Amino acid sequence: MDWGAAAYRARRLIAARKRIVPEPRSLALIDFLAERGTVTAAELREHGPSDAAAILCHVTTAIHGRAHLPVANAWYRRDEAGTGYVVDPGFAVAWRGARACEGPTPAGHDPG
């Protein structure tokens, strides 16, 4: 999997779908996932249950198409207990790198 290209496609789709979920909120959630690597379902819900589901769906569509999340080589997966989410380390590195190239968020910009 070319995670750099996947991160680029995800970033473009988030920008295109900003009317569904505000772009800053989407970026904040994916940044959080990429930074942490593993999060619980409760931590994910803190970003808004419906927003979190939509954001995960947008990224999945950008990377894997409209099909369901693949079993192998998915950008994230459920943990073994089924209570959390684990981001593929390759995607996390590519996402953080792509976001670092964007520069800092403008002062006074509310992410959500």
N, C-alpha and C. Protein backbone atom coordinates (compact mmCIF):
# COMPACT_ATOMS: atom_id res chain seq x y z
N MET A 1 0.84 -1.18 0.00
CA MET A 1 0.00 0.00 0.00
C MET A 1 0.89 1.24 0.00
N ASP A 2 0.57 2.16 -0.86
CA ASP A 2 1.28 3.45 -0.91
C ASP A 2 0.57 4.39 0.06
N TRP A 3 1.06 4.43 1.30
CA TRP A 3 0.39 5.22 2.33
C TRP A 3 0.49 6.72 2.08
N GLY A 4 1.55 7.17 1.42
CA GLY A 4 1.65 8.58 1.07
C GLY A 4 0.52 9.00 0.15
N ALA A 5 0.28 8.20 -0.88
CA ALA A 5 -0.82 8.49 -1.80
C ALA A 5 -2.16 8.36 -1.09
N ALA A 6 -2.28 7.40 -0.19
CA ALA A 6 -3.52 7.21 0.55
C ALA A 6 -3.81 8.43 1.43
N ALA A 7 -2.80 8.94 2.11
CA ALA A 7 -2.98 10.12 2.95
C ALA A 7 -3.38 11.32 2.09
N TYR A 8 -2.78 11.46 0.93
CA TYR A 8 -3.12 12.56 0.03
C TYR A 8 -4.58 12.47 -0.42
N ARG A 9 -5.02 11.26 -0.81
CA ARG A 9 -6.41 11.08 -1.24
C ARG A 9 -7.38 11.37 -0.09
N ALA A 10 -7.01 10.93 1.11
CA ALA A 10 -7.86 11.19 2.27
C ALA A 10 -7.97 12.68 2.55
N ARG A 11 -6.86 13.38 2.47
CA ARG A 11 -6.86 14.83 2.72
C ARG A 11 -7.73 15.56 1.70
N ARG A 12 -7.63 15.15 0.45
CA ARG A 12 -8.43 15.78 -0.61
C ARG A 12 -9.92 15.53 -0.40
N LEU A 13 -10.29 14.30 -0.02
CA LEU A 13 -11.70 14.01 0.18
C LEU A 13 -12.25 14.74 1.40
N ILE A 14 -11.46 14.86 2.45
CA ILE A 14 -11.90 15.62 3.62
C ILE A 14 -12.20 17.06 3.22
N ALA A 15 -11.36 17.64 2.41
CA ALA A 15 -11.60 19.02 1.94
C ALA A 15 -12.86 19.09 1.08
N ALA A 16 -13.08 18.08 0.26
CA ALA A 16 -14.25 18.07 -0.62
C ALA A 16 -15.55 17.86 0.15
N ARG A 17 -15.49 17.17 1.27
CA ARG A 17 -16.70 16.85 2.04
C ARG A 17 -16.89 17.78 3.25
N LYS A 18 -16.26 18.93 3.24
CA LYS A 18 -16.28 19.81 4.41
C LYS A 18 -17.66 20.33 4.76
N ARG A 19 -18.62 20.24 3.85
CA ARG A 19 -19.97 20.65 4.20
C ARG A 19 -20.70 19.58 5.00
N ILE A 20 -20.26 18.35 4.91
CA ILE A 20 -20.88 17.26 5.67
C ILE A 20 -20.37 17.29 7.11
N VAL A 21 -19.05 17.31 7.26
CA VAL A 21 -18.40 17.47 8.56
C VAL A 21 -17.40 18.60 8.37
N PRO A 22 -17.41 19.61 9.22
CA PRO A 22 -16.47 20.72 9.05
C PRO A 22 -15.03 20.20 8.94
N GLU A 23 -14.31 20.73 7.97
CA GLU A 23 -12.94 20.28 7.70
C GLU A 23 -12.06 20.30 8.94
N PRO A 24 -12.06 21.37 9.74
CA PRO A 24 -11.20 21.36 10.93
C PRO A 24 -11.51 20.22 11.89
N ARG A 25 -12.80 19.86 12.02
CA ARG A 25 -13.18 18.76 12.90
C ARG A 25 -12.68 17.43 12.34
N SER A 26 -12.79 17.25 11.03
CA SER A 26 -12.29 16.03 10.41
C SER A 26 -10.78 15.91 10.59
N LEU A 27 -10.08 16.99 10.31
CA LEU A 27 -8.63 16.96 10.43
C LEU A 27 -8.20 16.69 11.86
N ALA A 28 -8.90 17.29 12.83
CA ALA A 28 -8.56 17.09 14.24
C ALA A 28 -8.69 15.62 14.63
N LEU A 29 -9.75 14.97 14.15
CA LEU A 29 -9.94 13.56 14.49
C LEU A 29 -8.87 12.68 13.86
N ILE A 30 -8.59 12.88 12.58
CA ILE A 30 -7.57 12.05 11.92
C ILE A 30 -6.19 12.35 12.51
N ASP A 31 -5.91 13.60 12.82
CA ASP A 31 -4.65 13.94 13.49
C ASP A 31 -4.54 13.18 14.82
N PHE A 32 -5.62 13.18 15.58
CA PHE A 32 -5.68 12.48 16.87
C PHE A 32 -5.40 11.00 16.69
N LEU A 33 -6.07 10.38 15.73
CA LEU A 33 -5.87 8.95 15.47
C LEU A 33 -4.43 8.66 15.05
N ALA A 34 -3.90 9.49 14.14
CA ALA A 34 -2.54 9.26 13.64
C ALA A 34 -1.50 9.46 14.73
N GLU A 35 -1.75 10.40 15.61
CA GLU A 35 -0.80 10.65 16.70
C GLU A 35 -0.83 9.55 17.75
N ARG A 36 -2.02 9.13 18.11
CA ARG A 36 -2.16 8.13 19.16
C ARG A 36 -1.91 6.71 18.67
N GLY A 37 -2.35 6.40 17.45
CA GLY A 37 -2.18 5.05 16.91
C GLY A 37 -3.27 4.09 17.34
N THR A 38 -3.64 4.14 18.61
CA THR A 38 -4.70 3.29 19.15
C THR A 38 -5.59 4.15 20.03
N VAL A 39 -6.88 4.05 19.81
CA VAL A 39 -7.84 4.80 20.64
C VAL A 39 -9.00 3.89 21.01
N THR A 40 -9.62 4.20 22.12
CA THR A 40 -10.81 3.45 22.52
C THR A 40 -12.02 4.02 21.79
N ALA A 41 -13.09 3.26 21.79
CA ALA A 41 -14.33 3.73 21.19
C ALA A 41 -14.83 4.97 21.93
N ALA A 42 -14.65 5.01 23.25
CA ALA A 42 -15.08 6.17 24.04
C ALA A 42 -14.30 7.42 23.63
N GLU A 43 -12.99 7.29 23.41
CA GLU A 43 -12.18 8.43 22.97
C GLU A 43 -12.63 8.92 21.59
N LEU A 44 -12.97 7.99 20.74
CA LEU A 44 -13.44 8.35 19.41
C LEU A 44 -14.78 9.08 19.49
N ARG A 45 -15.66 8.62 20.36
CA ARG A 45 -16.98 9.26 20.52
C ARG A 45 -16.86 10.68 21.05
N GLU A 46 -15.78 11.01 21.74
CA GLU A 46 -15.59 12.37 22.24
C GLU A 46 -15.55 13.38 21.09
N HIS A 47 -15.26 12.91 19.88
CA HIS A 47 -15.23 13.78 18.71
C HIS A 47 -16.61 13.89 18.07
N GLY A 48 -17.60 13.33 18.72
CA GLY A 48 -18.97 13.37 18.20
C GLY A 48 -19.27 12.06 17.50
N PRO A 49 -20.19 11.27 18.02
CA PRO A 49 -20.44 9.93 17.45
C PRO A 49 -20.76 9.94 15.96
N SER A 50 -21.65 10.82 15.53
CA SER A 50 -22.01 10.82 14.11
C SER A 50 -20.87 11.40 13.28
N ASP A 51 -20.18 12.41 13.79
CA ASP A 51 -19.05 12.97 13.06
C ASP A 51 -17.94 11.94 12.92
N ALA A 52 -17.62 11.24 13.99
CA ALA A 52 -16.54 10.25 13.95
C ALA A 52 -16.84 9.19 12.90
N ALA A 53 -18.06 8.69 12.88
CA ALA A 53 -18.42 7.66 11.90
C ALA A 53 -18.30 8.19 10.48
N ALA A 54 -18.78 9.41 10.26
CA ALA A 54 -18.69 10.00 8.91
C ALA A 54 -17.25 10.22 8.49
N ILE A 55 -16.43 10.68 9.41
CA ILE A 55 -15.02 10.95 9.10
C ILE A 55 -14.30 9.64 8.76
N LEU A 56 -14.49 8.61 9.57
CA LEU A 56 -13.87 7.32 9.28
C LEU A 56 -14.32 6.81 7.91
N CYS A 57 -15.59 6.99 7.61
CA CYS A 57 -16.14 6.56 6.32
C CYS A 57 -15.50 7.34 5.16
N HIS A 58 -15.34 8.65 5.32
CA HIS A 58 -14.72 9.46 4.25
C HIS A 58 -13.30 9.00 3.97
N VAL A 59 -12.53 8.78 5.03
CA VAL A 59 -11.14 8.36 4.84
C VAL A 59 -11.10 6.97 4.22
N THR A 60 -11.96 6.08 4.68
CA THR A 60 -12.01 4.73 4.12
C THR A 60 -12.35 4.78 2.64
N THR A 61 -13.32 5.59 2.26
CA THR A 61 -13.70 5.73 0.84
C THR A 61 -12.53 6.26 0.02
N ALA A 62 -11.84 7.26 0.54
CA ALA A 62 -10.70 7.83 -0.19
C ALA A 62 -9.60 6.82 -0.42
N ILE A 63 -9.39 5.96 0.56
CA ILE A 63 -8.26 5.01 0.48
C ILE A 63 -8.65 3.70 -0.18
N HIS A 64 -9.79 3.16 0.19
CA HIS A 64 -10.16 1.81 -0.23
C HIS A 64 -11.34 1.75 -1.18
N GLY A 65 -11.92 2.88 -1.52
CA GLY A 65 -13.10 2.88 -2.36
C GLY A 65 -14.36 2.74 -1.53
N ARG A 66 -15.48 2.58 -2.19
CA ARG A 66 -16.77 2.54 -1.50
C ARG A 66 -17.07 1.20 -0.86
N ALA A 67 -16.22 0.24 -1.01
CA ALA A 67 -16.45 -1.07 -0.39
C ALA A 67 -16.22 -0.97 1.12
N HIS A 68 -16.53 -2.04 1.81
CA HIS A 68 -16.27 -2.09 3.24
C HIS A 68 -14.77 -2.08 3.51
N LEU A 69 -14.41 -1.77 4.73
CA LEU A 69 -13.01 -1.78 5.14
C LEU A 69 -12.41 -3.16 4.89
N PRO A 70 -11.31 -3.23 4.15
CA PRO A 70 -10.73 -4.55 3.86
C PRO A 70 -10.17 -5.20 5.11
N VAL A 71 -10.08 -6.52 5.07
CA VAL A 71 -9.54 -7.27 6.20
C VAL A 71 -8.03 -7.02 6.33
N ALA A 72 -7.34 -6.99 5.20
CA ALA A 72 -5.89 -6.79 5.21
C ALA A 72 -5.55 -5.44 4.60
N ASN A 73 -4.51 -4.82 5.10
CA ASN A 73 -3.99 -3.54 4.58
C ASN A 73 -4.97 -2.38 4.68
N ALA A 74 -5.84 -2.40 5.67
CA ALA A 74 -6.76 -1.29 5.88
C ALA A 74 -6.04 -0.18 6.63
N TRP A 75 -6.50 1.05 6.47
CA TRP A 75 -5.85 2.17 7.14
C TRP A 75 -6.09 2.14 8.65
N TYR A 76 -7.18 1.49 9.08
CA TYR A 76 -7.40 1.23 10.50
C TYR A 76 -8.12 -0.10 10.64
N ARG A 77 -8.14 -0.62 11.85
CA ARG A 77 -8.86 -1.85 12.16
C ARG A 77 -9.37 -1.77 13.58
N ARG A 78 -10.32 -2.61 13.92
CA ARG A 78 -10.76 -2.73 15.31
C ARG A 78 -9.72 -3.53 16.07
N ASP A 79 -9.55 -3.24 17.35
CA ASP A 79 -8.60 -4.02 18.14
C ASP A 79 -9.18 -5.40 18.42
N GLU A 80 -8.36 -6.27 18.99
CA GLU A 80 -8.75 -7.66 19.21
C GLU A 80 -9.99 -7.78 20.09
N ALA A 81 -10.12 -6.89 21.07
CA ALA A 81 -11.27 -6.93 21.98
C ALA A 81 -12.52 -6.32 21.35
N GLY A 82 -12.35 -5.60 20.24
CA GLY A 82 -13.48 -4.95 19.59
C GLY A 82 -13.92 -3.68 20.29
N THR A 83 -13.09 -3.16 21.16
CA THR A 83 -13.46 -1.97 21.94
C THR A 83 -12.70 -0.72 21.52
N GLY A 84 -11.83 -0.84 20.55
CA GLY A 84 -11.03 0.31 20.13
C GLY A 84 -10.63 0.20 18.68
N TYR A 85 -9.82 1.16 18.27
CA TYR A 85 -9.38 1.27 16.88
C TYR A 85 -7.87 1.40 16.84
N VAL A 86 -7.26 0.75 15.86
CA VAL A 86 -5.81 0.78 15.67
C VAL A 86 -5.53 1.28 14.26
N VAL A 87 -4.77 2.36 14.16
CA VAL A 87 -4.42 2.93 12.86
C VAL A 87 -3.16 2.24 12.34
N ASP A 88 -3.14 1.92 11.05
CA ASP A 88 -1.94 1.34 10.46
C ASP A 88 -0.78 2.32 10.64
N PRO A 89 0.36 1.84 11.15
CA PRO A 89 1.48 2.74 11.39
C PRO A 89 1.97 3.45 10.12
N GLY A 90 1.90 2.78 8.98
CA GLY A 90 2.31 3.41 7.72
C GLY A 90 1.42 4.59 7.37
N PHE A 91 0.10 4.43 7.56
CA PHE A 91 -0.80 5.53 7.30
C PHE A 91 -0.54 6.66 8.28
N ALA A 92 -0.35 6.33 9.56
CA ALA A 92 -0.12 7.36 10.57
C ALA A 92 1.10 8.21 10.24
N VAL A 93 2.18 7.57 9.84
CA VAL A 93 3.40 8.31 9.48
C VAL A 93 3.15 9.19 8.25
N ALA A 94 2.49 8.62 7.23
CA ALA A 94 2.22 9.39 6.01
C ALA A 94 1.30 10.56 6.31
N TRP A 95 0.28 10.35 7.12
CA TRP A 95 -0.66 11.42 7.46
C TRP A 95 0.05 12.54 8.21
N ARG A 96 0.81 12.16 9.24
CA ARG A 96 1.51 13.19 10.03
C ARG A 96 2.49 13.96 9.15
N GLY A 97 3.16 13.28 8.24
CA GLY A 97 4.09 13.95 7.33
C GLY A 97 3.38 14.92 6.40
N ALA A 98 2.25 14.49 5.86
CA ALA A 98 1.49 15.36 4.96
C ALA A 98 0.96 16.57 5.70
N ARG A 99 0.47 16.35 6.90
CA ARG A 99 -0.06 17.46 7.70
C ARG A 99 1.05 18.43 8.12
N ALA A 100 2.24 17.92 8.38
CA ALA A 100 3.35 18.79 8.76
C ALA A 100 3.72 19.73 7.61
N CYS A 101 3.54 19.27 6.40
CA CYS A 101 3.84 20.10 5.23
C CYS A 101 2.82 21.22 5.04
N GLU A 102 1.65 21.10 5.65
CA GLU A 102 0.61 22.12 5.53
C GLU A 102 0.91 23.34 6.37
N GLY A 103 1.75 23.20 7.37
CA GLY A 103 2.06 24.33 8.25
C GLY A 103 1.09 24.40 9.40
N PRO A 104 1.31 25.32 10.31
CA PRO A 104 0.47 25.43 11.50
C PRO A 104 -0.92 25.98 11.18
N THR A 105 -1.86 25.65 12.04
CA THR A 105 -3.21 26.19 11.93
C THR A 105 -3.17 27.67 12.26
N PRO A 106 -3.84 28.51 11.50
CA PRO A 106 -3.83 29.95 11.79
C PRO A 106 -4.32 30.25 13.20
N ALA A 107 -3.73 31.27 13.84
CA ALA A 107 -4.13 31.66 15.19
C ALA A 107 -5.60 32.01 15.21
N GLY A 108 -6.25 31.60 16.29
CA GLY A 108 -7.67 31.91 16.44
C GLY A 108 -8.58 30.98 15.67
N HIS A 109 -8.03 29.97 15.00
CA HIS A 109 -8.82 29.04 14.22
C HIS A 109 -9.36 27.95 15.14
N ASP A 110 -10.65 27.85 15.25
CA ASP A 110 -11.28 26.86 16.12
C ASP A 110 -11.47 25.57 15.36
N PRO A 111 -10.84 24.45 15.82
CA PRO A 111 -10.95 23.19 15.10
C PRO A 111 -12.27 22.49 15.27
N GLY A 112 -13.21 23.05 15.90
CA GLY A 112 -14.46 22.33 15.91
C GLY A 112 -15.39 22.79 16.92
